[in-house]
Structure formats: C-alpha cells, structure tokens
Amino acid sequence: MELSLSGVGTRLGGRWVVDGIDATPPAGAVTGLLGPNGAGKTTLLRLIAGLLPPAAGAVLVDDEVTGAPVPVDSLPRRRRARRIALLEQESSATVPLLVREVVALGRVPYRSWWGTDPDDSAVARALAAADASHLEHRAWDSLSGGERQRVHVARALAQEPELLLLDEPTNHLDVSAQLSLLTFVRTLGVTTVAALHDLNLAASYCDHVLVLSKGRLAAAGAPADVLTPALVRDVYHVEADVLSHPRTGRPVIAFTAPTTSSGPHPVLATKGHA
C-alpha cells in the first residue's frame, strides 16, 4: 500500500499532540516510528488507521480501483478494515473467549450478512504465521503477556492487511521473541509502521525511521542516517555513541546515563531516601 502523510496534525486536550507531519513511509518496507513517551506515536498511528480524523492535513492511501491517493478517513469502515490492521497496546481487559475466537475477530470485515467467512482457513494461517497455533484452544485470559502479544499479531494478520500498524509490538516479549517477531514482520512484504521504544531494535530491523519529538517530525530516513549522537541528544536528552554491528554493519547505540548540570539525575540521587 502507498501511504503518505501531508501536514497531518490533531489536537487533544486543547493542544497539538501531532503537528504538521509530512512523511512517505516506503511501500512494502518496515518503518519505525520513534520518539520519547508523549511524542505522539500512538496518536499518529491512530490517525494513519483512520480512527482519528485529522484537524489539519491528510493521511493518504492509494485507492483500490484507481490507484489515486485518497484520504484514509474517507474510506468506508469495512473497506478500511480490510486493508489496514492496527495492533494497539494491550489493554488489561479480559474476555471469555478462546484464542482461536480472538484471532477470528480479525475476519469480521470479511464476514457476510449471515456471519460466514469466505476463507475459513485464514485464522489457521494467521495463527501459524505468528507461531501461536499451539495456543488455539487456550482461554484468552489464561495467557501470559508474551503469549497474548503473539495472539494480537495473529489477529492483525487474519485481516490480511495491505498496511500493518504496530504499537509497541515487542512489549512483554523476551529477547528471543522480540527478534523473531521483527524478523517475521520483515518477511511479510507488507507496508508496516511500528512504534518502537528500543532504538537498537529499530536500527536492526527497520528500513526507514520517523522520529517524533513533541508531536513534530524531528527526522526521517534510513536508520544509519538518522540515528546519530546529535539526534539522540536533541530528542532523548542523553549522550550516545553510535557503533557499527560487527556482523550486520547496522548501527548499534550505546547510551550514557543522563545527568544534570548540578550532578546526577535527581531521581537517582534521591533513591533510597525517605
């Protein structure tokens, strides 16, 4: 799917939380959406998904028939849900469903008025792709955080999207599972935008990155070009050295603990005192 952001912005609570974003994530590639907490990553994903209307600018995708760019929020909900899947950060709510039933929710946009799915094998394929087939008959509320994350991915894949949006997809996963998941996402060949906190994961697995700071786009481009010591200092307010991975040649970022002009970080300085 072709995706472009043209001056996109929105206000929440009377302030601009996303402000004037211009970007074109490469089609068929994995784009990392980076930035500190509160930078606007989740809000921008919801704008791209068409779940929030922009107060300024437009999120454009290619029309299925003409190929011309159209605002994503102008697409009928059912058509939009068939083309775009959003994996949001996990909520704490529990539901009395089996894993297979949770994944089948991704097939809702394809169901007929009689509730039938034209591709009843799609759920099995999605579970297998997410390495979650062994969980199929487990109760959703019995799963660990990592298992739930795999099932969330399977549900998104069951939609068979052209655009995959992931909000912190590696949460609750151990190191092996994080690497496996991002390796798998890269093999999909689907236009993907993933909000990530870990800059080293982004440097290792993303083809392109967008860095947000206070709702605005601070930088965009290939990880090796964007993730520089100056960028890390300006956006994250920590010092860093950017090294080269001995096997892949991709950037590896080594951080230095933040300090203030008057001494150690205030939180660290007071730790252990009443």
C-alpha atoms as a PDB file:
ATOM      1  CA  MET A   1       0.000   0.000   0.000  1.00  0.00           C
ATOM      2  CA  GLU A   2       1.184   3.509  -0.817  1.00  0.00           C
ATOM      3  CA  LEU A   3       0.976   5.771   2.231  1.00  0.00           C
ATOM      4  CA  SER A   4       1.759   9.450   2.600  1.00  0.00           C
ATOM      5  CA  LEU A   5       1.236  12.000   5.360  1.00  0.00           C
ATOM      6  CA  SER A   6       0.642  15.575   4.266  1.00  0.00           C
ATOM      7  CA  GLY A   7       0.779  18.192   7.020  1.00  0.00           C
ATOM      8  CA  VAL A   8      -1.054  15.835   9.407  1.00  0.00           C
ATOM      9  CA  GLY A   9      -1.960  17.191  12.812  1.00  0.00           C
ATOM     10  CA  THR A  10      -4.541  16.823  15.542  1.00  0.00           C
ATOM     11  CA  ARG A  11      -5.366  18.437  18.865  1.00  0.00           C
ATOM     12  CA  LEU A  12      -6.192  16.659  22.112  1.00  0.00           C
ATOM     13  CA  GLY A  13      -6.964  18.472  25.331  1.00  0.00           C
ATOM     14  CA  GLY A  14      -6.567  21.819  23.623  1.00  0.00           C
ATOM     15  CA  ARG A  15      -3.010  21.272  22.379  1.00  0.00           C
ATOM     16  CA  TRP A  16      -1.422  19.915  19.225  1.00  0.00           C
ATOM     17  CA  VAL A  17      -0.217  16.388  20.039  1.00  0.00           C
ATOM     18  CA  VAL A  18       0.646  15.718  16.387  1.00  0.00           C
ATOM     19  CA  ASP A  19       1.645  18.798  14.451  1.00  0.00           C
ATOM     20  CA  GLY A  20       2.324  19.138  10.724  1.00  0.00           C
ATOM     21  CA  ILE A  21       3.772  15.720   9.888  1.00  0.00           C
ATOM     22  CA  ASP A  22       4.948  15.295   6.289  1.00  0.00           C
ATOM     23  CA  ALA A  23       6.277  11.807   5.529  1.00  0.00           C
ATOM     24  CA  THR A  24       6.139   8.985   2.990  1.00  0.00           C
ATOM     25  CA  PRO A  25       6.929   5.581   4.517  1.00  0.00           C
ATOM     26  CA  PRO A  26       8.297   3.298   1.766  1.00  0.00           C
ATOM     27  CA  ALA A  27       5.759   0.823   0.361  1.00  0.00           C
ATOM     28  CA  GLY A  28       6.419  -2.799   1.312  1.00  0.00           C
ATOM     29  CA  ALA A  29       9.028  -1.813   3.907  1.00  0.00           C
ATOM     30  CA  VAL A  30       9.170  -1.610   7.710  1.00  0.00           C
ATOM     31  CA  THR A  31       9.148   1.948   9.058  1.00  0.00           C
ATOM     32  CA  GLY A  32       9.976   2.507  12.716  1.00  0.00           C
ATOM     33  CA  LEU A  33       8.057   5.261  14.486  1.00  0.00           C
ATOM     34  CA  LEU A  34      10.353   6.519  17.244  1.00  0.00           C
ATOM     35  CA  GLY A  35      10.335   9.148  19.954  1.00  0.00           C
ATOM     36  CA  PRO A  36      10.124   9.591  23.744  1.00  0.00           C
ATOM     37  CA  ASN A  37       6.964   8.979  25.748  1.00  0.00           C
ATOM     38  CA  GLY A  38       4.400  11.630  24.861  1.00  0.00           C
ATOM     39  CA  ALA A  39       5.940  12.358  21.466  1.00  0.00           C
ATOM     40  CA  GLY A  40       2.689  11.489  19.660  1.00  0.00           C
ATOM     41  CA  LYS A  41       3.478   7.994  18.299  1.00  0.00           C
ATOM     42  CA  THR A  42       0.228   6.281  19.315  1.00  0.00           C
ATOM     43  CA  THR A  43      -1.877   9.235  18.200  1.00  0.00           C
ATOM     44  CA  LEU A  44      -0.158   9.271  14.800  1.00  0.00           C
ATOM     45  CA  LEU A  45      -0.800   5.535  14.361  1.00  0.00           C
ATOM     46  CA  ARG A  46      -4.491   6.095  15.090  1.00  0.00           C
ATOM     47  CA  LEU A  47      -4.552   8.924  12.540  1.00  0.00           C
ATOM     48  CA  ILE A  48      -2.952   6.642   9.938  1.00  0.00           C
ATOM     49  CA  ALA A  49      -5.504   3.941  10.740  1.00  0.00           C
ATOM     50  CA  GLY A  50      -8.368   6.389  10.181  1.00  0.00           C
ATOM     51  CA  LEU A  51      -9.585   6.044  13.765  1.00  0.00           C
ATOM     52  CA  LEU A  52      -8.982   9.749  14.447  1.00  0.00           C
ATOM     53  CA  PRO A  53      -9.882  12.493  11.968  1.00  0.00           C
ATOM     54  CA  PRO A  54      -7.007  14.921  11.404  1.00  0.00           C
ATOM     55  CA  ALA A  55      -7.553  18.511  12.467  1.00  0.00           C
ATOM     56  CA  ALA A  56      -5.058  19.535   9.793  1.00  0.00           C
ATOM     57  CA  GLY A  57      -3.622  17.902   6.693  1.00  0.00           C
ATOM     58  CA  ALA A  58      -4.438  14.404   5.450  1.00  0.00           C
ATOM     59  CA  VAL A  59      -3.348  10.779   5.604  1.00  0.00           C
ATOM     60  CA  LEU A  60      -3.441   9.496   2.024  1.00  0.00           C
ATOM     61  CA  VAL A  61      -3.527   5.918   0.713  1.00  0.00           C
ATOM     62  CA  ASP A  62      -3.898   4.606  -2.805  1.00  0.00           C
ATOM     63  CA  ASP A  63      -7.444   3.865  -3.957  1.00  0.00           C
ATOM     64  CA  GLU A  64      -8.053   0.155  -4.656  1.00  0.00           C
ATOM     65  CA  VAL A  65      -9.575   0.824  -8.093  1.00  0.00           C
ATOM     66  CA  THR A  66      -7.978   3.983  -9.482  1.00  0.00           C
ATOM     67  CA  GLY A  67      -4.687   3.956  -7.593  1.00  0.00           C
ATOM     68  CA  ALA A  68      -5.127   7.670  -6.918  1.00  0.00           C
ATOM     69  CA  PRO A  69      -4.352   8.938  -3.392  1.00  0.00           C
ATOM     70  CA  VAL A  70      -7.445   9.336  -1.179  1.00  0.00           C
ATOM     71  CA  PRO A  71      -7.815  10.376   2.492  1.00  0.00           C
ATOM     72  CA  VAL A  72      -7.842   7.262   4.637  1.00  0.00           C
ATOM     73  CA  ASP A  73     -10.692   8.564   6.793  1.00  0.00           C
ATOM     74  CA  SER A  74     -12.865   8.890   3.657  1.00  0.00           C
ATOM     75  CA  LEU A  75     -12.836   5.124   3.101  1.00  0.00           C
ATOM     76  CA  PRO A  76     -15.913   3.215   4.304  1.00  0.00           C
ATOM     77  CA  ARG A  77     -15.136   1.491   7.599  1.00  0.00           C
ATOM     78  CA  ARG A  78     -15.465  -2.038   6.213  1.00  0.00           C
ATOM     79  CA  ARG A  79     -13.130  -1.357   3.269  1.00  0.00           C
ATOM     80  CA  ARG A  80     -10.659   0.365   5.566  1.00  0.00           C
ATOM     81  CA  ALA A  81     -10.676  -2.588   7.982  1.00  0.00           C
ATOM     82  CA  ARG A  82      -9.897  -4.992   5.144  1.00  0.00           C
ATOM     83  CA  ARG A  83      -6.855  -3.003   4.080  1.00  0.00           C
ATOM     84  CA  ILE A  84      -5.428  -1.678   7.375  1.00  0.00           C
ATOM     85  CA  ALA A  85      -4.721  -3.583  10.600  1.00  0.00           C
ATOM     86  CA  LEU A  86      -3.766  -1.798  13.813  1.00  0.00           C
ATOM     87  CA  LEU A  87      -2.248  -3.720  16.703  1.00  0.00           C
ATOM     88  CA  GLU A  88      -2.677  -1.369  19.651  1.00  0.00           C
ATOM     89  CA  GLN A  89      -1.004  -1.587  23.023  1.00  0.00           C
ATOM     90  CA  GLU A  90      -2.623  -4.326  25.064  1.00  0.00           C
ATOM     91  CA  SER A  91      -5.391  -3.337  27.457  1.00  0.00           C
ATOM     92  CA  SER A  92      -5.915  -5.057  30.806  1.00  0.00           C
ATOM     93  CA  ALA A  93      -9.441  -6.157  29.924  1.00  0.00           C
ATOM     94  CA  THR A  94     -10.181  -9.869  29.841  1.00  0.00           C
ATOM     95  CA  VAL A  95     -12.688 -11.575  27.588  1.00  0.00           C
ATOM     96  CA  PRO A  96     -14.253 -15.049  27.947  1.00  0.00           C
ATOM     97  CA  LEU A  97     -13.001 -16.276  24.567  1.00  0.00           C
ATOM     98  CA  LEU A  98     -10.695 -18.946  23.255  1.00  0.00           C
ATOM     99  CA  VAL A  99      -7.584 -17.848  21.381  1.00  0.00           C
ATOM    100  CA  ARG A 100      -9.000 -19.012  18.051  1.00  0.00           C
ATOM    101  CA  GLU A 101     -12.080 -16.849  18.648  1.00  0.00           C
ATOM    102  CA  VAL A 102      -9.907 -13.807  19.430  1.00  0.00           C
ATOM    103  CA  VAL A 103      -7.940 -14.270  16.201  1.00  0.00           C
ATOM    104  CA  ALA A 104     -11.196 -14.765  14.265  1.00  0.00           C
ATOM    105  CA  LEU A 105     -12.167 -11.198  15.208  1.00  0.00           C
ATOM    106  CA  GLY A 106      -9.710 -10.147  12.526  1.00  0.00           C
ATOM    107  CA  ARG A 107     -12.036 -11.739   9.955  1.00  0.00           C
ATOM    108  CA  VAL A 108     -15.067  -9.608  10.888  1.00  0.00           C
ATOM    109  CA  PRO A 109     -14.615  -7.226   7.891  1.00  0.00           C
ATOM    110  CA  TYR A 110     -14.927 -10.218   5.529  1.00  0.00           C
ATOM    111  CA  ARG A 111     -17.997 -11.854   7.010  1.00  0.00           C
ATOM    112  CA  SER A 112     -21.253 -11.921   5.068  1.00  0.00           C
ATOM    113  CA  TRP A 113     -24.547 -10.713   6.495  1.00  0.00           C
ATOM    114  CA  TRP A 114     -25.091 -14.334   7.608  1.00  0.00           C
ATOM    115  CA  GLY A 115     -21.871 -14.324   9.612  1.00  0.00           C
ATOM    116  CA  THR A 116     -19.924 -16.666   7.335  1.00  0.00           C
ATOM    117  CA  ASP A 117     -16.288 -16.147   6.381  1.00  0.00           C
ATOM    118  CA  PRO A 118     -15.374 -16.803   2.729  1.00  0.00           C
ATOM    119  CA  ASP A 119     -11.918 -18.001   3.849  1.00  0.00           C
ATOM    120  CA  ASP A 120     -12.304 -20.196   6.924  1.00  0.00           C
ATOM    121  CA  SER A 121      -8.630 -21.197   6.749  1.00  0.00           C
ATOM    122  CA  ALA A 122      -7.383 -17.613   7.267  1.00  0.00           C
ATOM    123  CA  VAL A 123      -7.415 -17.942  11.071  1.00  0.00           C
ATOM    124  CA  ALA A 124      -5.301 -21.105  10.969  1.00  0.00           C
ATOM    125  CA  ARG A 125      -2.806 -19.430   8.629  1.00  0.00           C
ATOM    126  CA  ALA A 126      -2.571 -16.376  10.880  1.00  0.00           C
ATOM    127  CA  LEU A 127      -2.006 -18.494  13.996  1.00  0.00           C
ATOM    128  CA  ALA A 128       0.721 -20.479  12.238  1.00  0.00           C
ATOM    129  CA  ALA A 129       2.413 -17.336  10.932  1.00  0.00           C
ATOM    130  CA  ALA A 130       2.521 -15.845  14.439  1.00  0.00           C
ATOM    131  CA  ASP A 131       3.821 -19.138  15.902  1.00  0.00           C
ATOM    132  CA  ALA A 132       0.678 -19.363  18.031  1.00  0.00           C
ATOM    133  CA  SER A 133      -1.062 -22.486  16.670  1.00  0.00           C
ATOM    134  CA  HIS A 134      -0.342 -24.343  19.912  1.00  0.00           C
ATOM    135  CA  LEU A 135      -2.425 -21.751  21.783  1.00  0.00           C
ATOM    136  CA  GLU A 136      -5.501 -22.136  19.584  1.00  0.00           C
ATOM    137  CA  HIS A 137      -7.734 -23.830  22.172  1.00  0.00           C
ATOM    138  CA  ARG A 138      -6.448 -21.988  25.238  1.00  0.00           C
ATOM    139  CA  ALA A 139      -8.607 -19.473  27.093  1.00  0.00           C
ATOM    140  CA  TRP A 140      -7.559 -15.909  26.299  1.00  0.00           C
ATOM    141  CA  ASP A 141      -7.454 -14.873  29.957  1.00  0.00           C
ATOM    142  CA  SER A 142      -5.083 -17.749  30.788  1.00  0.00           C
ATOM    143  CA  LEU A 143      -2.264 -16.464  28.561  1.00  0.00           C
ATOM    144  CA  SER A 144       0.930 -14.748  29.624  1.00  0.00           C
ATOM    145  CA  GLY A 145       1.734 -11.267  28.336  1.00  0.00           C
ATOM    146  CA  GLY A 146       4.063 -12.637  25.664  1.00  0.00           C
ATOM    147  CA  GLU A 147       1.516 -15.206  24.505  1.00  0.00           C
ATOM    148  CA  ARG A 148      -1.170 -12.540  24.279  1.00  0.00           C
ATOM    149  CA  GLN A 149       1.116 -10.402  22.143  1.00  0.00           C
ATOM    150  CA  ARG A 150       1.553 -13.266  19.674  1.00  0.00           C
ATOM    151  CA  VAL A 151      -2.213 -13.715  19.506  1.00  0.00           C
ATOM    152  CA  HIS A 152      -2.680  -9.980  18.892  1.00  0.00           C
ATOM    153  CA  VAL A 153      -0.277 -10.267  15.966  1.00  0.00           C
ATOM    154  CA  ALA A 154      -2.204 -13.270  14.647  1.00  0.00           C
ATOM    155  CA  ARG A 155      -5.474 -11.327  14.850  1.00  0.00           C
ATOM    156  CA  ALA A 156      -3.931  -8.474  12.850  1.00  0.00           C
ATOM    157  CA  LEU A 157      -2.596 -10.921  10.242  1.00  0.00           C
ATOM    158  CA  ALA A 158      -6.015 -12.562   9.946  1.00  0.00           C
ATOM    159  CA  GLN A 159      -7.224  -9.280   8.429  1.00  0.00           C
ATOM    160  CA  GLU A 160      -4.768  -9.889   5.553  1.00  0.00           C
ATOM    161  CA  PRO A 161      -3.905  -6.174   5.554  1.00  0.00           C
ATOM    162  CA  GLU A 162      -2.025  -4.143   2.985  1.00  0.00           C
ATOM    163  CA  LEU A 163      -0.914  -1.765   5.756  1.00  0.00           C
ATOM    164  CA  LEU A 164       0.137  -3.105   9.157  1.00  0.00           C
ATOM    165  CA  LEU A 165       0.349  -0.679  12.098  1.00  0.00           C
ATOM    166  CA  LEU A 166       2.017  -1.913  15.288  1.00  0.00           C
ATOM    167  CA  ASP A 167       2.063  -0.006  18.582  1.00  0.00           C
ATOM    168  CA  GLU A 168       4.921  -1.321  20.737  1.00  0.00           C
ATOM    169  CA  PRO A 169       4.662  -4.880  19.319  1.00  0.00           C
ATOM    170  CA  THR A 170       7.634  -6.156  21.349  1.00  0.00           C
ATOM    171  CA  ASN A 171       6.094  -5.334  24.745  1.00  0.00           C
ATOM    172  CA  HIS A 172       6.037  -8.372  27.090  1.00  0.00           C
ATOM    173  CA  LEU A 173       8.318 -10.371  24.790  1.00  0.00           C
ATOM    174  CA  ASP A 174      11.703 -11.738  25.814  1.00  0.00           C
ATOM    175  CA  VAL A 175      14.735 -11.006  23.661  1.00  0.00           C
ATOM    176  CA  SER A 176      14.391 -14.125  21.506  1.00  0.00           C
ATOM    177  CA  ALA A 177      10.699 -13.458  20.873  1.00  0.00           C
ATOM    178  CA  GLN A 178      11.358  -9.794  20.041  1.00  0.00           C
ATOM    179  CA  LEU A 179      13.927 -10.725  17.411  1.00  0.00           C
ATOM    180  CA  SER A 180      11.740 -13.499  15.992  1.00  0.00           C
ATOM    181  CA  LEU A 181       8.725 -11.212  15.715  1.00  0.00           C
ATOM    182  CA  LEU A 182      10.553  -8.383  13.955  1.00  0.00           C
ATOM    183  CA  THR A 183      12.329 -10.837  11.638  1.00  0.00           C
ATOM    184  CA  PHE A 184       8.915 -12.249  10.756  1.00  0.00           C
ATOM    185  CA  VAL A 185       7.397  -8.808  10.141  1.00  0.00           C
ATOM    186  CA  ARG A 186      10.218  -8.038   7.701  1.00  0.00           C
ATOM    187  CA  THR A 187       9.367 -11.156   5.678  1.00  0.00           C
ATOM    188  CA  LEU A 188       5.736 -10.130   5.145  1.00  0.00           C
ATOM    189  CA  GLY A 189       6.443  -7.603   2.396  1.00  0.00           C
ATOM    190  CA  VAL A 190       3.555  -5.526   3.775  1.00  0.00           C
ATOM    191  CA  THR A 191       3.864  -1.769   4.280  1.00  0.00           C
ATOM    192  CA  THR A 192       4.427  -1.605   8.039  1.00  0.00           C
ATOM    193  CA  VAL A 193       4.691   1.255  10.526  1.00  0.00           C
ATOM    194  CA  ALA A 194       5.775   0.135  14.014  1.00  0.00           C
ATOM    195  CA  ALA A 195       6.056   2.360  17.074  1.00  0.00           C
ATOM    196  CA  LEU A 196       9.143   1.215  18.977  1.00  0.00           C
ATOM    197  CA  HIS A 197      10.890   2.400  22.137  1.00  0.00           C
ATOM    198  CA  ASP A 198      14.069   0.390  21.615  1.00  0.00           C
ATOM    199  CA  LEU A 199      16.304   2.328  19.234  1.00  0.00           C
ATOM    200  CA  ASN A 200      18.596  -0.655  18.734  1.00  0.00           C
ATOM    201  CA  LEU A 201      15.704  -2.847  17.583  1.00  0.00           C
ATOM    202  CA  ALA A 202      14.681  -0.098  15.195  1.00  0.00           C
ATOM    203  CA  ALA A 203      18.245   0.233  13.905  1.00  0.00           C
ATOM    204  CA  SER A 204      18.474  -3.524  13.353  1.00  0.00           C
ATOM    205  CA  TYR A 205      15.103  -4.262  11.750  1.00  0.00           C
ATOM    206  CA  CYS A 206      13.650  -1.107  10.203  1.00  0.00           C
ATOM    207  CA  ASP A 207      14.262   0.003   6.627  1.00  0.00           C
ATOM    208  CA  HIS A 208      13.162   3.558   7.425  1.00  0.00           C
ATOM    209  CA  VAL A 209      12.515   5.531  10.602  1.00  0.00           C
ATOM    210  CA  LEU A 210      10.415   8.548  11.561  1.00  0.00           C
ATOM    211  CA  VAL A 211      11.474  10.290  14.779  1.00  0.00           C
ATOM    212  CA  LEU A 212       8.889  12.380  16.611  1.00  0.00           C
ATOM    213  CA  SER A 213       9.611  15.000  19.232  1.00  0.00           C
ATOM    214  CA  LYS A 214       6.801  16.878  20.985  1.00  0.00           C
ATOM    215  CA  GLY A 215       4.389  15.960  18.188  1.00  0.00           C
ATOM    216  CA  ARG A 216       6.609  17.128  15.354  1.00  0.00           C
ATOM    217  CA  LEU A 217       8.808  15.226  12.926  1.00  0.00           C
ATOM    218  CA  ALA A 218      12.418  15.604  14.043  1.00  0.00           C
ATOM    219  CA  ALA A 219      13.989  13.391  11.376  1.00  0.00           C
ATOM    220  CA  ALA A 220      13.179  10.783   8.732  1.00  0.00           C
ATOM    221  CA  GLY A 221      15.256   8.411   6.644  1.00  0.00           C
ATOM    222  CA  ALA A 222      17.409   5.293   6.850  1.00  0.00           C
ATOM    223  CA  PRO A 223      18.407   4.338  10.432  1.00  0.00           C
ATOM    224  CA  ALA A 224      22.105   4.789   9.704  1.00  0.00           C
ATOM    225  CA  ASP A 225      21.475   8.350   8.507  1.00  0.00           C
ATOM    226  CA  VAL A 226      19.008   9.374  11.214  1.00  0.00           C
ATOM    227  CA  LEU A 227      20.132   7.719  14.457  1.00  0.00           C
ATOM    228  CA  THR A 228      23.131   9.910  15.175  1.00  0.00           C
ATOM    229  CA  PRO A 229      24.551  11.060  18.531  1.00  0.00           C
ATOM    230  CA  ALA A 230      23.222  14.560  17.831  1.00  0.00           C
ATOM    231  CA  LEU A 231      19.701  13.274  17.155  1.00  0.00           C
ATOM    232  CA  VAL A 232      19.698  11.134  20.319  1.00  0.00           C
ATOM    233  CA  ARG A 233      20.931  14.110  22.350  1.00  0.00           C
ATOM    234  CA  ASP A 234      18.360  16.527  20.908  1.00  0.00           C
ATOM    235  CA  VAL A 235      15.334  14.215  21.096  1.00  0.00           C
ATOM    236  CA  TYR A 236      16.045  11.903  24.048  1.00  0.00           C
ATOM    237  CA  HIS A 237      18.350  14.198  26.061  1.00  0.00           C
ATOM    238  CA  VAL A 238      21.009  11.548  26.625  1.00  0.00           C
ATOM    239  CA  GLU A 239      24.504  11.160  25.255  1.00  0.00           C
ATOM    240  CA  ALA A 240      25.180   8.210  22.976  1.00  0.00           C
ATOM    241  CA  ASP A 241      27.853   6.661  20.821  1.00  0.00           C
ATOM    242  CA  VAL A 242      26.757   5.055  17.560  1.00  0.00           C
ATOM    243  CA  LEU A 243      28.813   1.997  16.677  1.00  0.00           C
ATOM    244  CA  SER A 244      28.688  -0.493  13.824  1.00  0.00           C
ATOM    245  CA  HIS A 245      27.405  -4.028  14.462  1.00  0.00           C
ATOM    246  CA  PRO A 246      30.294  -6.429  13.798  1.00  0.00           C
ATOM    247  CA  ARG A 247      28.082  -8.844  11.832  1.00  0.00           C
ATOM    248  CA  THR A 248      25.442  -6.741  10.102  1.00  0.00           C
ATOM    249  CA  GLY A 249      27.069  -3.320   9.853  1.00  0.00           C
ATOM    250  CA  ARG A 250      23.869  -1.726  11.156  1.00  0.00           C
ATOM    251  CA  PRO A 251      24.010   0.973  13.842  1.00  0.00           C
ATOM    252  CA  VAL A 252      24.338  -0.033  17.496  1.00  0.00           C
ATOM    253  CA  ILE A 253      23.625   2.712  20.013  1.00  0.00           C
ATOM    254  CA  ALA A 254      25.444   2.810  23.354  1.00  0.00           C
ATOM    255  CA  PHE A 255      23.816   5.212  25.812  1.00  0.00           C
ATOM    256  CA  THR A 256      25.258   7.231  28.680  1.00  0.00           C
ATOM    257  CA  ALA A 257      23.109   7.883  31.758  1.00  0.00           C
ATOM    258  CA  PRO A 258      21.581  11.379  31.712  1.00  0.00           C
ATOM    259  CA  THR A 259      22.991  13.963  34.088  1.00  0.00           C
ATOM    260  CA  THR A 260      22.043  17.470  35.111  1.00  0.00           C
ATOM    261  CA  SER A 261      24.399  20.410  35.396  1.00  0.00           C
ATOM    262  CA  SER A 262      24.312  20.109  39.188  1.00  0.00           C
ATOM    263  CA  GLY A 263      25.091  16.409  39.454  1.00  0.00           C
ATOM    264  CA  PRO A 264      23.431  13.034  38.995  1.00  0.00           C
ATOM    265  CA  HIS A 265      19.898  12.606  37.711  1.00  0.00           C
ATOM    266  CA  PRO A 266      17.543  13.801  40.521  1.00  0.00           C
ATOM    267  CA  VAL A 267      15.567  10.549  40.617  1.00  0.00           C
ATOM    268  CA  LEU A 268      18.740   8.522  41.023  1.00  0.00           C
ATOM    269  CA  ALA A 269      20.163  10.955  43.576  1.00  0.00           C
ATOM    270  CA  THR A 270      17.172  10.577  45.908  1.00  0.00           C
ATOM    271  CA  LYS A 271      16.726   6.839  45.530  1.00  0.00           C
ATOM    272  CA  GLY A 272      16.849   5.073  48.877  1.00  0.00           C
ATOM    273  CA  HIS A 273      15.927   8.180  50.900  1.00  0.00           C
ATOM    274  CA  ALA A 274      12.549   8.757  52.551  1.00  0.00           C
END
